[in-house]
Protein backbone atom coordinates (compact mmCIF):
# COMPACT_ATOMS: atom_id res chain seq x y z
CA UNK A 1 14.62 34.41 -40.55
CA UNK A 2 13.29 37.66 -38.39
CA UNK A 3 10.56 39.48 -38.64
CA UNK A 4 11.21 43.12 -39.39
CA UNK A 5 9.95 45.91 -38.27
CA UNK A 6 7.98 46.80 -41.24
CA UNK A 7 6.43 43.53 -41.35
CA UNK A 8 5.34 43.79 -37.42
CA UNK A 9 3.76 47.51 -38.52
CA UNK A 10 1.71 45.49 -41.27
CA UNK A 11 0.69 43.02 -39.17
CA UNK A 12 -0.13 45.37 -36.72
CA UNK A 13 -2.10 47.72 -38.92
CA UNK A 14 -4.24 44.65 -39.92
CA UNK A 15 -5.00 43.05 -36.83
CA UNK A 16 -6.34 46.59 -35.71
CA UNK A 17 -8.50 46.54 -38.70
CA UNK A 18 -9.62 43.33 -38.14
CA UNK A 19 -10.73 43.37 -34.08
CA UNK A 20 -10.96 47.35 -33.90
CA UNK A 21 -9.39 49.25 -31.37
CA UNK A 22 -12.10 48.91 -28.82
CA UNK A 23 -12.37 45.16 -28.80
CA UNK A 24 -8.13 44.92 -28.64
CA UNK A 25 -8.91 46.81 -25.10
CA UNK A 26 -11.38 44.72 -24.14
CA UNK A 27 -9.60 41.18 -25.19
CA UNK A 28 -6.65 42.88 -23.15
CA UNK A 29 -8.94 43.98 -20.21
CA UNK A 30 -10.49 40.56 -20.08
CA UNK A 31 -7.15 39.02 -20.12
CA UNK A 32 -5.53 41.34 -17.39
CA UNK A 33 -9.14 39.98 -14.57
CA UNK A 34 -8.24 36.42 -15.58
CA UNK A 35 -4.65 37.09 -14.45
CA UNK A 36 -5.35 38.64 -10.79
CA UNK A 37 -8.11 36.18 -10.31
CA UNK A 38 -5.52 33.37 -11.01
CA UNK A 39 -3.18 35.12 -9.01
CA UNK A 40 -6.15 35.71 -5.81
CA UNK A 41 -6.64 32.03 -6.21
CA UNK A 42 -3.38 31.57 -5.92
CA UNK A 43 -2.83 32.57 -2.95
CA UNK A 44 -6.18 31.51 -1.34
CA UNK A 45 -4.60 28.33 -1.91
CA UNK A 46 -1.43 28.81 -0.21
CA UNK A 47 -3.44 30.82 3.04
CA UNK A 48 -5.56 27.37 3.33
CA UNK A 49 -3.87 25.25 6.32
CA UNK A 50 -3.26 21.71 5.40
CA UNK A 51 -5.77 18.96 6.12
CA UNK A 52 -5.19 15.90 7.79
CA UNK A 53 -4.87 13.18 5.41
CA UNK A 54 -7.98 10.06 5.66
CA UNK A 55 -7.41 7.24 7.83
CA UNK A 56 -6.32 4.24 5.72
CA UNK A 57 -8.52 1.68 3.76
CA UNK A 58 -7.98 -1.71 4.50
CA UNK A 59 -9.07 -5.12 4.39
CA UNK A 60 -11.64 -6.13 7.32
CA UNK A 61 -9.84 -7.52 10.25
CA UNK A 62 -10.00 -10.88 11.12
CA UNK A 63 -12.60 -10.40 14.08
CA UNK A 64 -14.87 -8.73 12.66
CA UNK A 65 -14.79 -5.58 14.41
CA UNK A 66 -12.70 -3.37 12.45
CA UNK A 67 -10.06 -3.24 14.89
CA UNK A 68 -6.54 -4.00 13.73
CA UNK A 69 -5.69 -7.66 15.59
CA UNK A 70 -2.27 -8.33 16.87
CA UNK A 71 -0.89 -11.94 15.05
CA UNK A 72 0.04 -13.20 18.24
CA UNK A 73 -3.02 -13.24 19.80
CA UNK A 74 -4.58 -14.29 16.97
CA UNK A 75 -2.94 -17.54 16.62
CA UNK A 76 -3.07 -18.22 20.34
CA UNK A 77 -6.83 -18.19 20.12
CA UNK A 78 -7.00 -20.45 16.51
CA UNK A 79 -4.53 -22.95 18.29
CA UNK A 80 -6.87 -24.12 21.88
């Protein structure tokens, strides 16, 4: 069952009586400001250039210097 025109009119009158005309217009103004602020934030996010991702965090290397170790050289050193 849907709402008829009379039911919608009664609901509108009750809302006007409870909140008053000024309060409803104030809420709609705040709602509009919120939407415009959201759109502005989305545009700023889209305009910002992409940042480079941070370097990878990995396990410390075997030589203790923090530089990657070539596995072929590492095995040669351990053999001698």
